[in-house]
Amino acid sequence: MEQLPRGAQFQRSKMLWEIALGIAGDPNIRYYEDRDVSIVIGNGSGEAFTPALRMAPGSPALAHAVAKGDLDLAFVNPSAMLTQAYRGTGLYSEPLPVRVIASYPSYDRFVAAVQPRLGVTSLAEIAERKPALRVSVREDATHSTRVLLDQLLPMYGFTLDDFVSWGGSLQLNGPPGDARRLEGIRDGSIDIVFDEGIPTWLSVGLENGLVPLELEEDVMAGMEAIGWRRVVLPKERFPLLERDVVTIDYSGWPLYTREGLPEEMAYKVCAAIAQRAEYIRWEESYTGIAQIGVETEATPLDVPLHPGAERWYRENGYL
């Protein structure tokens, strides 16, 4: 299999892809602005382009567009957001007919890490004491971590905005390993970090004294009811931890569709992933194509596979 298929149309498509990366990949673009790339496959031989398959990454809210058929495939991060869409919990007022095509393997955790000098050992203490804290979070209010916080913090009786009303401040970041965050962790100007993407910032946090907080049992149970998973942040992976810490799973990037997508199209998508796997940039969590359609630590699956995808995995001996 060639990296670029033969044909002038693929040369032109590759140029369009590079243009998209050049524009959307501008580091000066904020996370909630034009930095997502949609890909459409179809027929451009007539006066109008006729789409056959429309794909895009984006916010969890794209599940509504997928369910309605305005979009055929979408990525979401993490898997728990798709679980909410399937169950009709959290962000979603009713269940959506979503189905998984494949899950891109991504091992991750959501962590709330605090400076020990504050003497805070739980979010419940923060709710009681109302200290003025410098809080590091994502700048995009629609980001899934902000959605998680909007679901979590009210269980303690406060919101992210209350940190400001108590005299604190929000340090707003782009990616989890934003240089501004890392600098703030190192110079002590950040009191607490709420985020995922732990390979990019947690080790720096632990090296500079940050301590992960655990959720109370009733709060964790409430988060599980919404669709989040309880997992362990292991000392084996992060030796600077005093012990294993129970936290919220942030693993898996499900590529999903609607239940009504034609079975043959879902089958073709799985075949295409396998065919082009050597050219896909995988994370360290990836162990092979067999992994993307089954439950693993990096690919949690709480939403059914699309029948076309399930057939492909079975025929190829992966289920």
Foldseek 3Di string as FASTA:
>chain_A
DDLQDDDVVSVVVVVVVVVLCVVLVPPVDFPPDPNKDKDFDADPPDPDTDTDAIEIEDFLVCLVCQLVVVHFKYKYWDPLSLVLQQCQFQPGVHHGQKAFLWWAFDFKFWWKWFACVVVDQALLVCLVPVAQFEEEDAPDCRHVLVSVQVQQNVVSPDHPVSSVVSPHYYDHDGDPLGPVVLVCLQVVVHGIYTDMPCVRHVLSNLVSRIATHAHDPVSVVSVVVSRWDWDWPQCVVVVSHPGIGIGTTGAIITIMGGLPDDLQVSLVVLVVCQVNVVVDDGDPRDDHSLPTQDDDSRHHDPGHHRPSSVVNCVVVPSD
